[in-house]
Amino acid sequence: MGRLIDEAGTSTSGKYIVVDRDSPGFLLLDSYGLTQTRCRTDVVRIYGPKNSLICAIPTDSVPAGVYTVDPSTLTLIPQ
């Protein structure tokens, strides 16, 4: 899984997961060529199971925006 970061009251305002290597979140980021970053505006925001949140630097193939993930296939679904 990973560590929960709570930045409520800061400019990033929210909670997100810092993924552990070899976790489903890490495998998801790796499969899309994404690099995790702090949550802020203009990033890829991925909402997973139990409303977990992972943020990543946008790429040409995965632009900034909000996504959910199919946990059975680790497929991103644009929202």
PDB file of N, CA and C in Angstrom:
ATOM      1  N   MET A   1       0.851  -1.178   0.000  1.00  0.00           N
ATOM      2  CA  MET A   1       0.000   0.000   0.000  1.00  0.00           C
ATOM      3  C   MET A   1       0.890   1.232   0.000  1.00  0.00           C
ATOM      4  N   GLY A   2       0.973   1.941   1.108  1.00  0.00           N
ATOM      5  CA  GLY A   2       1.788   3.132   1.172  1.00  0.00           C
ATOM      6  C   GLY A   2       1.477   3.938   2.408  1.00  0.00           C
ATOM      7  N   ARG A   3       2.063   5.111   2.496  1.00  0.00           N
ATOM      8  CA  ARG A   3       1.838   6.018   3.619  1.00  0.00           C
ATOM      9  C   ARG A   3       0.767   7.026   3.245  1.00  0.00           C
ATOM     10  N   LEU A   4      -0.076   7.371   4.206  1.00  0.00           N
ATOM     11  CA  LEU A   4      -1.080   8.398   4.014  1.00  0.00           C
ATOM     12  C   LEU A   4      -0.472   9.735   4.397  1.00  0.00           C
ATOM     13  N   ILE A   5      -0.518  10.686   3.489  1.00  0.00           N
ATOM     14  CA  ILE A   5      -0.030  12.044   3.743  1.00  0.00           C
ATOM     15  C   ILE A   5      -1.250  12.943   3.878  1.00  0.00           C
ATOM     16  N   ASP A   6      -1.317  13.713   4.947  1.00  0.00           N
ATOM     17  CA  ASP A   6      -2.434  14.620   5.170  1.00  0.00           C
ATOM     18  C   ASP A   6      -1.904  16.040   5.145  1.00  0.00           C
ATOM     19  N   GLU A   7      -2.262  16.763   4.102  1.00  0.00           N
ATOM     20  CA  GLU A   7      -1.817  18.147   3.971  1.00  0.00           C
ATOM     21  C   GLU A   7      -3.001  19.099   4.069  1.00  0.00           C
ATOM     22  N   ALA A   8      -4.003  18.724   4.845  1.00  0.00           N
ATOM     23  CA  ALA A   8      -5.163  19.596   5.035  1.00  0.00           C
ATOM     24  C   ALA A   8      -4.698  20.937   5.578  1.00  0.00           C
ATOM     25  N   GLY A   9      -5.252  21.994   5.042  1.00  0.00           N
ATOM     26  CA  GLY A   9      -4.878  23.321   5.494  1.00  0.00           C
ATOM     27  C   GLY A   9      -3.649  23.880   4.815  1.00  0.00           C
ATOM     28  N   THR A  10      -3.038  23.110   3.907  1.00  0.00           N
ATOM     29  CA  THR A  10      -1.892  23.616   3.160  1.00  0.00           C
ATOM     30  C   THR A  10      -2.348  23.924   1.746  1.00  0.00           C
ATOM     31  N   SER A  11      -1.440  24.383   0.922  1.00  0.00           N
ATOM     32  CA  SER A  11      -1.800  24.718  -0.458  1.00  0.00           C
ATOM     33  C   SER A  11      -2.224  23.499  -1.262  1.00  0.00           C
ATOM     34  N   THR A  12      -1.842  22.283  -0.821  1.00  0.00           N
ATOM     35  CA  THR A  12      -2.266  21.087  -1.544  1.00  0.00           C
ATOM     36  C   THR A  12      -3.591  20.574  -1.002  1.00  0.00           C
ATOM     37  N   SER A  13      -3.944  20.954   0.210  1.00  0.00           N
ATOM     38  CA  SER A  13      -5.234  20.673   0.831  1.00  0.00           C
ATOM     39  C   SER A  13      -5.794  19.296   0.555  1.00  0.00           C
ATOM     40  N   GLY A  14      -5.279  18.310   1.209  1.00  0.00           N
ATOM     41  CA  GLY A  14      -5.898  17.011   1.095  1.00  0.00           C
ATOM     42  C   GLY A  14      -5.029  15.874   1.555  1.00  0.00           C
ATOM     43  N   LYS A  15      -5.578  14.675   1.411  1.00  0.00           N
ATOM     44  CA  LYS A  15      -4.887  13.454   1.800  1.00  0.00           C
ATOM     45  C   LYS A  15      -4.583  12.651   0.551  1.00  0.00           C
ATOM     46  N   TYR A  16      -3.409  12.081   0.499  1.00  0.00           N
ATOM     47  CA  TYR A  16      -3.053  11.226  -0.623  1.00  0.00           C
ATOM     48  C   TYR A  16      -2.101  10.146  -0.144  1.00  0.00           C
ATOM     49  N   ILE A  17      -1.954   9.122  -0.954  1.00  0.00           N
ATOM     50  CA  ILE A  17      -1.121   7.976  -0.630  1.00  0.00           C
ATOM     51  C   ILE A  17       0.243   8.125  -1.300  1.00  0.00           C
ATOM     52  N   VAL A  18       1.307   7.855  -0.556  1.00  0.00           N
ATOM     53  CA  VAL A  18       2.638   7.711  -1.146  1.00  0.00           C
ATOM     54  C   VAL A  18       2.835   6.210  -1.322  1.00  0.00           C
ATOM     55  N   VAL A  19       2.890   5.760  -2.571  1.00  0.00           N
ATOM     56  CA  VAL A  19       2.893   4.325  -2.848  1.00  0.00           C
ATOM     57  C   VAL A  19       4.220   3.670  -2.486  1.00  0.00           C
ATOM     58  N   ASP A  20       4.114   2.423  -2.050  1.00  0.00           N
ATOM     59  CA  ASP A  20       5.288   1.595  -1.793  1.00  0.00           C
ATOM     60  C   ASP A  20       5.664   0.866  -3.069  1.00  0.00           C
ATOM     61  N   ARG A  21       6.943   0.624  -3.236  1.00  0.00           N
ATOM     62  CA  ARG A  21       7.441  -0.131  -4.382  1.00  0.00           C
ATOM     63  C   ARG A  21       6.778  -1.510  -4.394  1.00  0.00           C
ATOM     64  N   ASP A  22       6.412  -1.980  -5.586  1.00  0.00           N
ATOM     65  CA  ASP A  22       5.765  -3.283  -5.790  1.00  0.00           C
ATOM     66  C   ASP A  22       4.340  -3.369  -5.252  1.00  0.00           C
ATOM     67  N   SER A  23       3.757  -2.246  -4.865  1.00  0.00           N
ATOM     68  CA  SER A  23       2.349  -2.228  -4.469  1.00  0.00           C
ATOM     69  C   SER A  23       1.503  -2.056  -5.730  1.00  0.00           C
ATOM     70  N   PRO A  24       0.195  -2.326  -5.658  1.00  0.00           N
ATOM     71  CA  PRO A  24      -0.659  -2.084  -6.829  1.00  0.00           C
ATOM     72  C   PRO A  24      -0.564  -0.644  -7.344  1.00  0.00           C
ATOM     73  N   GLY A  25      -0.461   0.331  -6.434  1.00  0.00           N
ATOM     74  CA  GLY A  25      -0.330   1.729  -6.861  1.00  0.00           C
ATOM     75  C   GLY A  25       0.956   1.971  -7.633  1.00  0.00           C
ATOM     76  N   PHE A  26       2.041   1.380  -7.163  1.00  0.00           N
ATOM     77  CA  PHE A  26       3.324   1.507  -7.864  1.00  0.00           C
ATOM     78  C   PHE A  26       3.238   0.853  -9.240  1.00  0.00           C
ATOM     79  N   LEU A  27       2.641  -0.329  -9.296  1.00  0.00           N
ATOM     80  CA  LEU A  27       2.506  -1.026 -10.588  1.00  0.00           C
ATOM     81  C   LEU A  27       1.644  -0.223 -11.555  1.00  0.00           C
ATOM     82  N   LEU A  28       0.593   0.411 -11.047  1.00  0.00           N
ATOM     83  CA  LEU A  28      -0.262   1.259 -11.879  1.00  0.00           C
ATOM     84  C   LEU A  28       0.538   2.418 -12.459  1.00  0.00           C
ATOM     85  N   LEU A  29       1.247   3.148 -11.594  1.00  0.00           N
ATOM     86  CA  LEU A  29       2.047   4.283 -12.070  1.00  0.00           C
ATOM     87  C   LEU A  29       3.084   3.817 -13.089  1.00  0.00           C
ATOM     88  N   ASP A  30       3.757   2.728 -12.797  1.00  0.00           N
ATOM     89  CA  ASP A  30       4.799   2.203 -13.673  1.00  0.00           C
ATOM     90  C   ASP A  30       4.236   1.796 -15.037  1.00  0.00           C
ATOM     91  N   SER A  31       3.074   1.173 -15.037  1.00  0.00           N
ATOM     92  CA  SER A  31       2.502   0.702 -16.310  1.00  0.00           C
ATOM     93  C   SER A  31       2.110   1.852 -17.230  1.00  0.00           C
ATOM     94  N   TYR A  32       1.811   3.016 -16.663  1.00  0.00           N
ATOM     95  CA  TYR A  32       1.459   4.194 -17.460  1.00  0.00           C
ATOM     96  C   TYR A  32       2.632   5.160 -17.626  1.00  0.00           C
ATOM     97  N   GLY A  33       3.790   4.820 -17.081  1.00  0.00           N
ATOM     98  CA  GLY A  33       4.950   5.703 -17.185  1.00  0.00           C
ATOM     99  C   GLY A  33       4.795   6.977 -16.380  1.00  0.00           C
ATOM    100  N   LEU A  34       4.052   6.901 -15.280  1.00  0.00           N
ATOM    101  CA  LEU A  34       3.800   8.071 -14.444  1.00  0.00           C
ATOM    102  C   LEU A  34       4.756   8.120 -13.257  1.00  0.00           C
ATOM    103  N   THR A  35       5.037   9.338 -12.805  1.00  0.00           N
ATOM    104  CA  THR A  35       5.876   9.567 -11.640  1.00  0.00           C
ATOM    105  C   THR A  35       5.036  10.250 -10.577  1.00  0.00           C
ATOM    106  N   GLN A  36       5.002   9.666  -9.388  1.00  0.00           N
ATOM    107  CA  GLN A  36       4.200  10.233  -8.316  1.00  0.00           C
ATOM    108  C   GLN A  36       4.725  11.598  -7.914  1.00  0.00           C
ATOM    109  N   THR A  37       3.797  12.474  -7.514  1.00  0.00           N
ATOM    110  CA  THR A  37       4.128  13.812  -7.052  1.00  0.00           C
ATOM    111  C   THR A  37       3.145  14.215  -5.972  1.00  0.00           C
ATOM    112  N   ARG A  38       3.420  15.326  -5.325  1.00  0.00           N
ATOM    113  CA  ARG A  38       2.469  15.877  -4.355  1.00  0.00           C
ATOM    114  C   ARG A  38       1.216  16.308  -5.095  1.00  0.00           C
ATOM    115  N   CYS A  39       0.092  16.197  -4.421  1.00  0.00           N
ATOM    116  CA  CYS A  39      -1.169  16.618  -5.025  1.00  0.00           C
ATOM    117  C   CYS A  39      -1.250  18.139  -5.050  1.00  0.00           C
ATOM    118  N   ARG A  40      -1.574  18.657  -6.202  1.00  0.00           N
ATOM    119  CA  ARG A  40      -1.762  20.091  -6.422  1.00  0.00           C
ATOM    120  C   ARG A  40      -2.561  20.239  -7.713  1.00  0.00           C
ATOM    121  N   THR A  41      -2.759  21.452  -8.165  1.00  0.00           N
ATOM    122  CA  THR A  41      -3.476  21.656  -9.414  1.00  0.00           C
ATOM    123  C   THR A  41      -2.623  21.189 -10.586  1.00  0.00           C
ATOM    124  N   ASP A  42      -3.242  20.890 -11.686  1.00  0.00           N
ATOM    125  CA  ASP A  42      -2.564  20.496 -12.928  1.00  0.00           C
ATOM    126  C   ASP A  42      -1.737  19.218 -12.806  1.00  0.00           C
ATOM    127  N   VAL A  43      -2.251  18.240 -12.065  1.00  0.00           N
ATOM    128  CA  VAL A  43      -1.605  16.933 -11.975  1.00  0.00           C
ATOM    129  C   VAL A  43      -2.625  15.860 -12.359  1.00  0.00           C
ATOM    130  N   VAL A  44      -2.154  14.650 -12.480  1.00  0.00           N
ATOM    131  CA  VAL A  44      -3.023  13.490 -12.659  1.00  0.00           C
ATOM    132  C   VAL A  44      -3.480  13.082 -11.261  1.00  0.00           C
ATOM    133  N   ARG A  45      -4.790  13.087 -11.031  1.00  0.00           N
ATOM    134  CA  ARG A  45      -5.359  12.705  -9.729  1.00  0.00           C
ATOM    135  C   ARG A  45      -6.078  11.380  -9.917  1.00  0.00           C
ATOM    136  N   ILE A  46      -5.574  10.332  -9.277  1.00  0.00           N
ATOM    137  CA  ILE A  46      -6.115   8.988  -9.442  1.00  0.00           C
ATOM    138  C   ILE A  46      -6.798   8.564  -8.147  1.00  0.00           C
ATOM    139  N   TYR A  47      -8.125   8.383  -8.223  1.00  0.00           N
ATOM    140  CA  TYR A  47      -8.886   7.924  -7.066  1.00  0.00           C
ATOM    141  C   TYR A  47      -9.054   6.416  -7.168  1.00  0.00           C
ATOM    142  N   GLY A  48      -8.627   5.728  -6.124  1.00  0.00           N
ATOM    143  CA  GLY A  48      -8.681   4.276  -6.101  1.00  0.00           C
ATOM    144  C   GLY A  48      -9.693   3.771  -5.105  1.00  0.00           C
ATOM    145  N   PRO A  49      -9.530   2.506  -4.706  1.00  0.00           N
ATOM    146  CA  PRO A  49     -10.449   1.906  -3.739  1.00  0.00           C
ATOM    147  C   PRO A  49     -10.491   2.705  -2.438  1.00  0.00           C
ATOM    148  N   LYS A  50     -11.661   2.717  -1.827  1.00  0.00           N
ATOM    149  CA  LYS A  50     -11.869   3.410  -0.545  1.00  0.00           C
ATOM    150  C   LYS A  50     -11.535   4.898  -0.651  1.00  0.00           C
ATOM    151  N   ASN A  51     -11.739   5.464  -1.848  1.00  0.00           N
ATOM    152  CA  ASN A  51     -11.505   6.887  -2.109  1.00  0.00           C
ATOM    153  C   ASN A  51     -10.062   7.304  -1.849  1.00  0.00           C
ATOM    154  N   SER A  52      -9.114   6.358  -2.014  1.00  0.00           N
ATOM    155  CA  SER A  52      -7.702   6.700  -1.882  1.00  0.00           C
ATOM    156  C   SER A  52      -7.295   7.585  -3.060  1.00  0.00           C
ATOM    157  N   LEU A  53      -6.259   8.358  -2.889  1.00  0.00           N
ATOM    158  CA  LEU A  53      -5.823   9.301  -3.914  1.00  0.00           C
ATOM    159  C   LEU A  53      -4.316   9.192  -4.114  1.00  0.00           C
ATOM    160  N   ILE A  54      -3.927   9.084  -5.385  1.00  0.00           N
ATOM    161  CA  ILE A  54      -2.521   9.124  -5.786  1.00  0.00           C
ATOM    162  C   ILE A  54      -2.417  10.222  -6.837  1.00  0.00           C
ATOM    163  N   CYS A  55      -1.399  11.061  -6.746  1.00  0.00           N
ATOM    164  CA  CYS A  55      -1.185  12.113  -7.741  1.00  0.00           C
ATOM    165  C   CYS A  55       0.112  11.853  -8.493  1.00  0.00           C
ATOM    166  N   ALA A  56       0.120  12.236  -9.775  1.00  0.00           N
ATOM    167  CA  ALA A  56       1.283  11.984 -10.623  1.00  0.00           C
ATOM    168  C   ALA A  56       1.492  13.150 -11.586  1.00  0.00           C
ATOM    169  N   ILE A  57       2.715  13.252 -12.073  1.00  0.00           N
ATOM    170  CA  ILE A  57       3.060  14.261 -13.073  1.00  0.00           C
ATOM    171  C   ILE A  57       2.425  13.853 -14.404  1.00  0.00           C
ATOM    172  N   PRO A  58       1.710  14.764 -15.070  1.00  0.00           N
ATOM    173  CA  PRO A  58       1.080  14.423 -16.349  1.00  0.00           C
ATOM    174  C   PRO A  58       2.112  14.075 -17.421  1.00  0.00           C
ATOM    175  N   THR A  59       1.680  13.273 -18.387  1.00  0.00           N
ATOM    176  CA  THR A  59       2.492  12.930 -19.546  1.00  0.00           C
ATOM    177  C   THR A  59       1.658  13.167 -20.797  1.00  0.00           C
ATOM    178  N   ASP A  60       2.259  12.983 -21.968  1.00  0.00           N
ATOM    179  CA  ASP A  60       1.501  13.124 -23.210  1.00  0.00           C
ATOM    180  C   ASP A  60       0.381  12.089 -23.292  1.00  0.00           C
ATOM    181  N   SER A  61       0.618  10.892 -22.759  1.00  0.00           N
ATOM    182  CA  SER A  61      -0.400   9.839 -22.853  1.00  0.00           C
ATOM    183  C   SER A  61      -1.410   9.883 -21.700  1.00  0.00           C
ATOM    184  N   VAL A  62      -1.051  10.524 -20.586  1.00  0.00           N
ATOM    185  CA  VAL A  62      -1.978  10.671 -19.459  1.00  0.00           C
ATOM    186  C   VAL A  62      -1.947  12.138 -19.030  1.00  0.00           C
ATOM    187  N   PRO A  63      -2.830  12.955 -19.613  1.00  0.00           N
ATOM    188  CA  PRO A  63      -2.834  14.383 -19.281  1.00  0.00           C
ATOM    189  C   PRO A  63      -3.400  14.645 -17.889  1.00  0.00           C
ATOM    190  N   ALA A  64      -3.141  15.846 -17.390  1.00  0.00           N
ATOM    191  CA  ALA A  64      -3.682  16.258 -16.088  1.00  0.00           C
ATOM    192  C   ALA A  64      -5.188  16.085 -16.090  1.00  0.00           C
ATOM    193  N   GLY A  65      -5.714  15.685 -14.962  1.00  0.00           N
ATOM    194  CA  GLY A  65      -7.149  15.492 -14.826  1.00  0.00           C
ATOM    195  C   GLY A  65      -7.452  14.492 -13.733  1.00  0.00           C
ATOM    196  N   VAL A  66      -8.722  14.149 -13.637  1.00  0.00           N
ATOM    197  CA  VAL A  66      -9.196  13.228 -12.607  1.00  0.00           C
ATOM    198  C   VAL A  66      -9.493  11.877 -13.249  1.00  0.00           C
ATOM    199  N   TYR A  67      -9.024  10.831 -12.581  1.00  0.00           N
ATOM    200  CA  TYR A  67      -9.197   9.458 -13.056  1.00  0.00           C
ATOM    201  C   TYR A  67      -9.635   8.582 -11.884  1.00  0.00           C
ATOM    202  N   THR A  68     -10.334   7.515 -12.209  1.00  0.00           N
ATOM    203  CA  THR A  68     -10.527   6.436 -11.256  1.00  0.00           C
ATOM    204  C   THR A  68      -9.742   5.255 -11.803  1.00  0.00           C
ATOM    205  N   VAL A  69      -9.654   4.213 -11.007  1.00  0.00           N
ATOM    206  CA  VAL A  69      -8.896   3.041 -11.446  1.00  0.00           C
ATOM    207  C   VAL A  69      -9.754   1.798 -11.252  1.00  0.00           C
ATOM    208  N   ASP A  70      -9.714   0.918 -12.237  1.00  0.00           N
ATOM    209  CA  ASP A  70     -10.346  -0.391 -12.105  1.00  0.00           C
ATOM    210  C   ASP A  70      -9.340  -1.262 -11.358  1.00  0.00           C
ATOM    211  N   PRO A  71      -9.615  -1.618 -10.098  1.00  0.00           N
ATOM    212  CA  PRO A  71      -8.620  -2.340  -9.308  1.00  0.00           C
ATOM    213  C   PRO A  71      -8.338  -3.752  -9.809  1.00  0.00           C
ATOM    214  N   SER A  72      -9.252  -4.321 -10.576  1.00  0.00           N
ATOM    215  CA  SER A  72      -9.016  -5.689 -11.060  1.00  0.00           C
ATOM    216  C   SER A  72      -8.070  -5.719 -12.251  1.00  0.00           C
ATOM    217  N   THR A  73      -7.995  -4.601 -12.998  1.00  0.00           N
ATOM    218  CA  THR A  73      -7.129  -4.561 -14.187  1.00  0.00           C
ATOM    219  C   THR A  73      -6.060  -3.475 -14.104  1.00  0.00           C
ATOM    220  N   LEU A  74      -6.122  -2.627 -13.065  1.00  0.00           N
ATOM    221  CA  LEU A  74      -5.241  -1.466 -12.929  1.00  0.00           C
ATOM    222  C   LEU A  74      -5.291  -0.572 -14.173  1.00  0.00           C
ATOM    223  N   THR A  75      -6.523  -0.359 -14.657  1.00  0.00           N
ATOM    224  CA  THR A  75      -6.761   0.501 -15.812  1.00  0.00           C
ATOM    225  C   THR A  75      -7.285   1.842 -15.342  1.00  0.00           C
ATOM    226  N   LEU A  76      -6.724   2.936 -15.883  1.00  0.00           N
ATOM    227  CA  LEU A  76      -7.205   4.275 -15.569  1.00  0.00           C
ATOM    228  C   LEU A  76      -8.476   4.559 -16.363  1.00  0.00           C
ATOM    229  N   ILE A  77      -9.427   5.219 -15.689  1.00  0.00           N
ATOM    230  CA  ILE A  77     -10.696   5.590 -16.317  1.00  0.00           C
ATOM    231  C   ILE A  77     -10.851   7.103 -16.152  1.00  0.00           C
ATOM    232  N   PRO A  78     -10.743   7.857 -17.269  1.00  0.00           N
ATOM    233  CA  PRO A  78     -10.902   9.324 -17.166  1.00  0.00           C
ATOM    234  C   PRO A  78     -12.305   9.687 -16.652  1.00  0.00           C
ATOM    235  N   GLN A  79     -12.369  10.729 -15.860  1.00  0.00           N
ATOM    236  CA  GLN A  79     -13.660  11.181 -15.317  1.00  0.00           C
ATOM    237  C   GLN A  79     -14.080  12.495 -15.920  1.00  0.00           C
TER     238      GLN A  79
END
